Amino acid sequence: MDIQKLLLIVPLEHIGFLLADREFVGKAWFSYLKKTCIAFCIRLKENMLVSCKKNGKSMLLKSLFQNIKTGESQSGDW
């Protein structure tokens, strides 16, 4: 079932957040979730390269979270 079909059954205001695994990644997918205001938590591989918004440089995802301890969380734009 794709997200459009899901939203026909479950109204957007009833969705607290989307929890997904590594297969659900991609710029278009993340942009769609942000555009529709669906909060999300997606598990990613630590060796994934991400682009920093502040300076445009690529870095390993794990470097963004190296100071986070087990049980802690972090969010925001980098």
PDB file of N, CA and C in Angstrom:
ATOM      1  N   MET A   1       0.845  -1.182   0.000  1.00  0.00           N
ATOM      2  CA  MET A   1       0.000   0.000   0.000  1.00  0.00           C
ATOM      3  C   MET A   1       0.889   1.243   0.000  1.00  0.00           C
ATOM      4  N   ASP A   2       0.618   2.160  -0.901  1.00  0.00           N
ATOM      5  CA  ASP A   2       1.409   3.387  -0.887  1.00  0.00           C
ATOM      6  C   ASP A   2       0.778   4.407   0.056  1.00  0.00           C
ATOM      7  N   ILE A   3       1.493   5.458   0.324  1.00  0.00           N
ATOM      8  CA  ILE A   3       1.064   6.448   1.318  1.00  0.00           C
ATOM      9  C   ILE A   3      -0.230   7.145   0.909  1.00  0.00           C
ATOM     10  N   GLN A   4      -0.437   7.357  -0.385  1.00  0.00           N
ATOM     11  CA  GLN A   4      -1.671   8.000  -0.853  1.00  0.00           C
ATOM     12  C   GLN A   4      -2.896   7.154  -0.505  1.00  0.00           C
ATOM     13  N   LYS A   5      -2.780   5.848  -0.687  1.00  0.00           N
ATOM     14  CA  LYS A   5      -3.892   4.952  -0.346  1.00  0.00           C
ATOM     15  C   LYS A   5      -4.117   4.929   1.165  1.00  0.00           C
ATOM     16  N   LEU A   6      -3.034   4.952   1.909  1.00  0.00           N
ATOM     17  CA  LEU A   6      -3.147   4.970   3.369  1.00  0.00           C
ATOM     18  C   LEU A   6      -3.887   6.221   3.830  1.00  0.00           C
ATOM     19  N   LEU A   7      -3.559   7.373   3.228  1.00  0.00           N
ATOM     20  CA  LEU A   7      -4.198   8.627   3.634  1.00  0.00           C
ATOM     21  C   LEU A   7      -5.678   8.687   3.268  1.00  0.00           C
ATOM     22  N   LEU A   8      -6.124   7.843   2.345  1.00  0.00           N
ATOM     23  CA  LEU A   8      -7.557   7.739   2.051  1.00  0.00           C
ATOM     24  C   LEU A   8      -8.291   7.015   3.177  1.00  0.00           C
ATOM     25  N   ILE A   9      -7.578   6.150   3.882  1.00  0.00           N
ATOM     26  CA  ILE A   9      -8.171   5.342   4.959  1.00  0.00           C
ATOM     27  C   ILE A   9      -7.958   6.001   6.320  1.00  0.00           C
ATOM     28  N   VAL A  10      -6.725   6.489   6.548  1.00  0.00           N
ATOM     29  CA  VAL A  10      -6.358   7.095   7.823  1.00  0.00           C
ATOM     30  C   VAL A  10      -6.107   8.585   7.588  1.00  0.00           C
ATOM     31  N   PRO A  11      -6.928   9.443   8.174  1.00  0.00           N
ATOM     32  CA  PRO A  11      -6.722  10.883   7.987  1.00  0.00           C
ATOM     33  C   PRO A  11      -5.362  11.333   8.517  1.00  0.00           C
ATOM     34  N   LEU A  12      -4.773  12.305   7.857  1.00  0.00           N
ATOM     35  CA  LEU A  12      -3.459  12.823   8.223  1.00  0.00           C
ATOM     36  C   LEU A  12      -3.394  13.237   9.693  1.00  0.00           C
ATOM     37  N   GLU A  13      -4.467  13.829  10.197  1.00  0.00           N
ATOM     38  CA  GLU A  13      -4.465  14.284  11.592  1.00  0.00           C
ATOM     39  C   GLU A  13      -4.447  13.134  12.602  1.00  0.00           C
ATOM     40  N   HIS A  14      -4.637  11.907  12.149  1.00  0.00           N
ATOM     41  CA  HIS A  14      -4.572  10.743  13.031  1.00  0.00           C
ATOM     42  C   HIS A  14      -3.206  10.074  13.018  1.00  0.00           C
ATOM     43  N   ILE A  15      -2.288  10.608  12.237  1.00  0.00           N
ATOM     44  CA  ILE A  15      -0.944  10.035  12.149  1.00  0.00           C
ATOM     45  C   ILE A  15      -0.014  10.855  13.035  1.00  0.00           C
ATOM     46  N   GLY A  16       0.502  10.223  14.094  1.00  0.00           N
ATOM     47  CA  GLY A  16       1.434  10.908  14.993  1.00  0.00           C
ATOM     48  C   GLY A  16       2.796  11.057  14.349  1.00  0.00           C
ATOM     49  N   PHE A  17       3.317   9.958  13.823  1.00  0.00           N
ATOM     50  CA  PHE A  17       4.572   9.977  13.076  1.00  0.00           C
ATOM     51  C   PHE A  17       4.713   8.667  12.333  1.00  0.00           C
ATOM     52  N   LEU A  18       5.594   8.655  11.372  1.00  0.00           N
ATOM     53  CA  LEU A  18       5.868   7.474  10.569  1.00  0.00           C
ATOM     54  C   LEU A  18       7.182   6.869  11.041  1.00  0.00           C
ATOM     55  N   LEU A  19       7.165   5.608  11.374  1.00  0.00           N
ATOM     56  CA  LEU A  19       8.365   4.886  11.782  1.00  0.00           C
ATOM     57  C   LEU A  19       8.706   3.922  10.655  1.00  0.00           C
ATOM     58  N   ALA A  20       9.920   4.026  10.115  1.00  0.00           N
ATOM     59  CA  ALA A  20      10.285   3.215   8.954  1.00  0.00           C
ATOM     60  C   ALA A  20      11.720   2.703   9.067  1.00  0.00           C
ATOM     61  N   ASP A  21      12.013   1.695   8.288  1.00  0.00           N
ATOM     62  CA  ASP A  21      13.351   1.117   8.263  1.00  0.00           C
ATOM     63  C   ASP A  21      14.148   1.708   7.101  1.00  0.00           C
ATOM     64  N   ARG A  22      15.361   1.240   6.937  1.00  0.00           N
ATOM     65  CA  ARG A  22      16.336   1.800   5.992  1.00  0.00           C
ATOM     66  C   ARG A  22      15.898   1.826   4.537  1.00  0.00           C
ATOM     67  N   GLU A  23      14.970   0.965   4.161  1.00  0.00           N
ATOM     68  CA  GLU A  23      14.557   0.901   2.764  1.00  0.00           C
ATOM     69  C   GLU A  23      13.776   2.144   2.332  1.00  0.00           C
ATOM     70  N   PHE A  24      13.245   2.881   3.297  1.00  0.00           N
ATOM     71  CA  PHE A  24      12.419   4.033   3.000  1.00  0.00           C
ATOM     72  C   PHE A  24      13.222   5.319   3.090  1.00  0.00           C
ATOM     73  N   VAL A  25      14.181   5.480   2.190  1.00  0.00           N
ATOM     74  CA  VAL A  25      15.021   6.673   2.180  1.00  0.00           C
ATOM     75  C   VAL A  25      15.001   7.299   0.795  1.00  0.00           C
ATOM     76  N   GLY A  26      15.410   8.517   0.715  1.00  0.00           N
ATOM     77  CA  GLY A  26      15.507   9.213  -0.561  1.00  0.00           C
ATOM     78  C   GLY A  26      15.021  10.641  -0.423  1.00  0.00           C
ATOM     79  N   LYS A  27      15.636  11.517  -1.178  1.00  0.00           N
ATOM     80  CA  LYS A  27      15.316  12.942  -1.096  1.00  0.00           C
ATOM     81  C   LYS A  27      13.849  13.204  -1.413  1.00  0.00           C
ATOM     82  N   ALA A  28      13.324  12.566  -2.459  1.00  0.00           N
ATOM     83  CA  ALA A  28      11.925  12.790  -2.849  1.00  0.00           C
ATOM     84  C   ALA A  28      10.979  12.332  -1.735  1.00  0.00           C
ATOM     85  N   TRP A  29      11.272  11.192  -1.125  1.00  0.00           N
ATOM     86  CA  TRP A  29      10.438  10.648  -0.046  1.00  0.00           C
ATOM     87  C   TRP A  29      10.461  11.577   1.168  1.00  0.00           C
ATOM     88  N   PHE A  30      11.652  12.013   1.595  1.00  0.00           N
ATOM     89  CA  PHE A  30      11.759  12.909   2.742  1.00  0.00           C
ATOM     90  C   PHE A  30      11.072  14.247   2.455  1.00  0.00           C
ATOM     91  N   SER A  31      11.228  14.749   1.238  1.00  0.00           N
ATOM     92  CA  SER A  31      10.579  16.013   0.855  1.00  0.00           C
ATOM     93  C   SER A  31       9.061  15.879   0.928  1.00  0.00           C
ATOM     94  N   TYR A  32       8.549  14.746   0.472  1.00  0.00           N
ATOM     95  CA  TYR A  32       7.099  14.509   0.513  1.00  0.00           C
ATOM     96  C   TYR A  32       6.606  14.497   1.962  1.00  0.00           C
ATOM     97  N   LEU A  33       7.315  13.788   2.829  1.00  0.00           N
ATOM     98  CA  LEU A  33       6.903  13.716   4.232  1.00  0.00           C
ATOM     99  C   LEU A  33       6.916  15.096   4.882  1.00  0.00           C
ATOM    100  N   LYS A  34       7.945  15.878   4.581  1.00  0.00           N
ATOM    101  CA  LYS A  34       8.018  17.231   5.143  1.00  0.00           C
ATOM    102  C   LYS A  34       6.911  18.122   4.574  1.00  0.00           C
ATOM    103  N   LYS A  35       6.650  18.010   3.261  1.00  0.00           N
ATOM    104  CA  LYS A  35       5.624  18.828   2.612  1.00  0.00           C
ATOM    105  C   LYS A  35       4.232  18.529   3.177  1.00  0.00           C
ATOM    106  N   THR A  36       3.967  17.267   3.478  1.00  0.00           N
ATOM    107  CA  THR A  36       2.661  16.881   4.007  1.00  0.00           C
ATOM    108  C   THR A  36       2.614  16.953   5.531  1.00  0.00           C
ATOM    109  N   CYS A  37       3.707  17.425   6.135  1.00  0.00           N
ATOM    110  CA  CYS A  37       3.794  17.587   7.599  1.00  0.00           C
ATOM    111  C   CYS A  37       3.615  16.278   8.355  1.00  0.00           C
ATOM    112  N   ILE A  38       4.131  15.189   7.781  1.00  0.00           N
ATOM    113  CA  ILE A  38       4.131  13.907   8.475  1.00  0.00           C
ATOM    114  C   ILE A  38       5.475  13.784   9.180  1.00  0.00           C
ATOM    115  N   ALA A  39       5.436  13.790  10.511  1.00  0.00           N
ATOM    116  CA  ALA A  39       6.668  13.606  11.277  1.00  0.00           C
ATOM    117  C   ALA A  39       7.178  12.190  11.023  1.00  0.00           C
ATOM    118  N   PHE A  40       8.502  12.028  10.995  1.00  0.00           N
ATOM    119  CA  PHE A  40       9.026  10.696  10.704  1.00  0.00           C
ATOM    120  C   PHE A  40      10.280  10.398  11.503  1.00  0.00           C
ATOM    121  N   CYS A  41      10.473   9.111  11.704  1.00  0.00           N
ATOM    122  CA  CYS A  41      11.666   8.583  12.354  1.00  0.00           C
ATOM    123  C   CYS A  41      12.098   7.403  11.497  1.00  0.00           C
ATOM    124  N   ILE A  42      13.248   7.528  10.857  1.00  0.00           N
ATOM    125  CA  ILE A  42      13.692   6.499   9.921  1.00  0.00           C
ATOM    126  C   ILE A  42      15.087   6.033  10.296  1.00  0.00           C
ATOM    127  N   ARG A  43      15.235   4.741  10.426  1.00  0.00           N
ATOM    128  CA  ARG A  43      16.524   4.140  10.741  1.00  0.00           C
ATOM    129  C   ARG A  43      17.427   4.229   9.512  1.00  0.00           C
ATOM    130  N   LEU A  44      18.653   4.699   9.715  1.00  0.00           N
ATOM    131  CA  LEU A  44      19.591   4.854   8.605  1.00  0.00           C
ATOM    132  C   LEU A  44      20.906   4.157   8.919  1.00  0.00           C
ATOM    133  N   LYS A  45      21.651   3.815   7.883  1.00  0.00           N
ATOM    134  CA  LYS A  45      22.965   3.207   8.069  1.00  0.00           C
ATOM    135  C   LYS A  45      23.959   4.274   8.503  1.00  0.00           C
ATOM    136  N   GLU A  46      24.800   3.940   9.467  1.00  0.00           N
ATOM    137  CA  GLU A  46      25.751   4.918   9.985  1.00  0.00           C
ATOM    138  C   GLU A  46      26.796   5.350   8.966  1.00  0.00           C
ATOM    139  N   ASN A  47      27.034   4.521   7.930  1.00  0.00           N
ATOM    140  CA  ASN A  47      28.035   4.885   6.925  1.00  0.00           C
ATOM    141  C   ASN A  47      27.431   5.632   5.730  1.00  0.00           C
ATOM    142  N   MET A  48      26.182   6.064   5.861  1.00  0.00           N
ATOM    143  CA  MET A  48      25.523   6.830   4.804  1.00  0.00           C
ATOM    144  C   MET A  48      26.138   8.235   4.737  1.00  0.00           C
ATOM    145  N   LEU A  49      26.383   8.703   3.529  1.00  0.00           N
ATOM    146  CA  LEU A  49      26.879  10.063   3.342  1.00  0.00           C
ATOM    147  C   LEU A  49      25.703  11.032   3.303  1.00  0.00           C
ATOM    148  N   VAL A  50      25.814  12.102   4.063  1.00  0.00           N
ATOM    149  CA  VAL A  50      24.780  13.132   4.072  1.00  0.00           C
ATOM    150  C   VAL A  50      25.434  14.470   3.743  1.00  0.00           C
ATOM    151  N   SER A  51      24.645  15.360   3.186  1.00  0.00           N
ATOM    152  CA  SER A  51      25.145  16.683   2.822  1.00  0.00           C
ATOM    153  C   SER A  51      24.726  17.678   3.895  1.00  0.00           C
ATOM    154  N   CYS A  52      25.675  18.421   4.398  1.00  0.00           N
ATOM    155  CA  CYS A  52      25.429  19.420   5.436  1.00  0.00           C
ATOM    156  C   CYS A  52      24.833  20.677   4.798  1.00  0.00           C
ATOM    157  N   LYS A  53      23.675  21.136   5.303  1.00  0.00           N
ATOM    158  CA  LYS A  53      23.035  22.335   4.754  1.00  0.00           C
ATOM    159  C   LYS A  53      23.878  23.582   4.979  1.00  0.00           C
ATOM    160  N   LYS A  54      24.608  23.624   6.089  1.00  0.00           N
ATOM    161  CA  LYS A  54      25.363  24.823   6.432  1.00  0.00           C
ATOM    162  C   LYS A  54      26.517  25.095   5.486  1.00  0.00           C
ATOM    163  N   ASN A  55      27.260  24.029   5.104  1.00  0.00           N
ATOM    164  CA  ASN A  55      28.433  24.255   4.254  1.00  0.00           C
ATOM    165  C   ASN A  55      28.434  23.436   2.961  1.00  0.00           C
ATOM    166  N   GLY A  56      27.431  22.593   2.747  1.00  0.00           N
ATOM    167  CA  GLY A  56      27.313  21.818   1.521  1.00  0.00           C
ATOM    168  C   GLY A  56      28.247  20.630   1.424  1.00  0.00           C
ATOM    169  N   LYS A  57      29.075  20.409   2.441  1.00  0.00           N
ATOM    170  CA  LYS A  57      30.018  19.293   2.413  1.00  0.00           C
ATOM    171  C   LYS A  57      29.336  17.997   2.822  1.00  0.00           C
ATOM    172  N   SER A  58      29.832  16.893   2.269  1.00  0.00           N
ATOM    173  CA  SER A  58      29.323  15.573   2.633  1.00  0.00           C
ATOM    174  C   SER A  58      30.075  15.039   3.835  1.00  0.00           C
ATOM    175  N   MET A  59      29.347  14.306   4.683  1.00  0.00           N
ATOM    176  CA  MET A  59      29.967  13.689   5.856  1.00  0.00           C
ATOM    177  C   MET A  59      29.235  12.404   6.184  1.00  0.00           C
ATOM    178  N   LEU A  60      29.898  11.549   6.929  1.00  0.00           N
ATOM    179  CA  LEU A  60      29.261  10.320   7.365  1.00  0.00           C
ATOM    180  C   LEU A  60      28.177  10.647   8.388  1.00  0.00           C
ATOM    181  N   LEU A  61      27.069   9.974   8.275  1.00  0.00           N
ATOM    182  CA  LEU A  61      25.959  10.197   9.191  1.00  0.00           C
ATOM    183  C   LEU A  61      26.386   9.991  10.641  1.00  0.00           C
ATOM    184  N   LYS A  62      27.216   8.977  10.886  1.00  0.00           N
ATOM    185  CA  LYS A  62      27.604   8.697  12.270  1.00  0.00           C
ATOM    186  C   LYS A  62      28.378   9.854  12.897  1.00  0.00           C
ATOM    187  N   SER A  63      29.022  10.689  12.086  1.00  0.00           N
ATOM    188  CA  SER A  63      29.761  11.823  12.650  1.00  0.00           C
ATOM    189  C   SER A  63      28.812  12.888  13.219  1.00  0.00           C
ATOM    190  N   LEU A  64      27.583  12.958  12.683  1.00  0.00           N
ATOM    191  CA  LEU A  64      26.604  13.908  13.214  1.00  0.00           C
ATOM    192  C   LEU A  64      26.110  13.505  14.601  1.00  0.00           C
ATOM    193  N   PHE A  65      26.164  12.210  14.888  1.00  0.00           N
ATOM    194  CA  PHE A  65      25.586  11.695  16.122  1.00  0.00           C
ATOM    195  C   PHE A  65      26.620  11.076  17.049  1.00  0.00           C
ATOM    196  N   GLN A  66      27.885  11.373  16.852  1.00  0.00           N
ATOM    197  CA  GLN A  66      28.937  10.723  17.637  1.00  0.00           C
ATOM    198  C   GLN A  66      28.879  11.067  19.118  1.00  0.00           C
ATOM    199  N   ASN A  67      28.252  12.184  19.474  1.00  0.00           N
ATOM    200  CA  ASN A  67      28.175  12.565  20.884  1.00  0.00           C
ATOM    201  C   ASN A  67      26.851  12.162  21.551  1.00  0.00           C
ATOM    202  N   ILE A  68      26.004  11.455  20.821  1.00  0.00           N
ATOM    203  CA  ILE A  68      24.717  11.023  21.357  1.00  0.00           C
ATOM    204  C   ILE A  68      24.900   9.697  22.096  1.00  0.00           C
ATOM    205  N   LYS A  69      24.388   9.627  23.300  1.00  0.00           N
ATOM    206  CA  LYS A  69      24.471   8.399  24.096  1.00  0.00           C
ATOM    207  C   LYS A  69      23.241   7.539  23.853  1.00  0.00           C
ATOM    208  N   THR A  70      23.339   6.263  24.173  1.00  0.00           N
ATOM    209  CA  THR A  70      22.212   5.341  24.040  1.00  0.00           C
ATOM    210  C   THR A  70      21.011   5.889  24.793  1.00  0.00           C
ATOM    211  N   GLY A  71      19.869   5.900  24.137  1.00  0.00           N
ATOM    212  CA  GLY A  71      18.638   6.389  24.744  1.00  0.00           C
ATOM    213  C   GLY A  71      18.372   7.865  24.492  1.00  0.00           C
ATOM    214  N   GLU A  72      19.358   8.598  23.990  1.00  0.00           N
ATOM    215  CA  GLU A  72      19.176  10.008  23.677  1.00  0.00           C
ATOM    216  C   GLU A  72      18.741  10.160  22.224  1.00  0.00           C
ATOM    217  N   SER A  73      18.264  11.330  21.878  1.00  0.00           N
ATOM    218  CA  SER A  73      17.867  11.590  20.494  1.00  0.00           C
ATOM    219  C   SER A  73      18.317  12.995  20.099  1.00  0.00           C
ATOM    220  N   GLN A  74      18.286  13.217  18.798  1.00  0.00           N
ATOM    221  CA  GLN A  74      18.668  14.523  18.252  1.00  0.00           C
ATOM    222  C   GLN A  74      17.884  14.744  16.980  1.00  0.00           C
ATOM    223  N   SER A  75      17.479  15.958  16.748  1.00  0.00           N
ATOM    224  CA  SER A  75      16.781  16.271  15.506  1.00  0.00           C
ATOM    225  C   SER A  75      17.175  17.682  15.074  1.00  0.00           C
ATOM    226  N   GLY A  76      16.823  18.020  13.865  1.00  0.00           N
ATOM    227  CA  GLY A  76      17.101  19.365  13.371  1.00  0.00           C
ATOM    228  C   GLY A  76      17.680  19.353  11.981  1.00  0.00           C
ATOM    229  N   ASP A  77      17.991  20.534  11.505  1.00  0.00           N
ATOM    230  CA  ASP A  77      18.604  20.693  10.184  1.00  0.00           C
ATOM    231  C   ASP A  77      20.093  20.920  10.370  1.00  0.00           C
ATOM    232  N   TRP A  78      20.887  20.216   9.588  1.00  0.00           N
ATOM    233  CA  TRP A  78      22.346  20.345   9.709  1.00  0.00           C
ATOM    234  C   TRP A  78      22.911  21.024   8.516  1.00  0.00           C
TER     235      TRP A  78
END
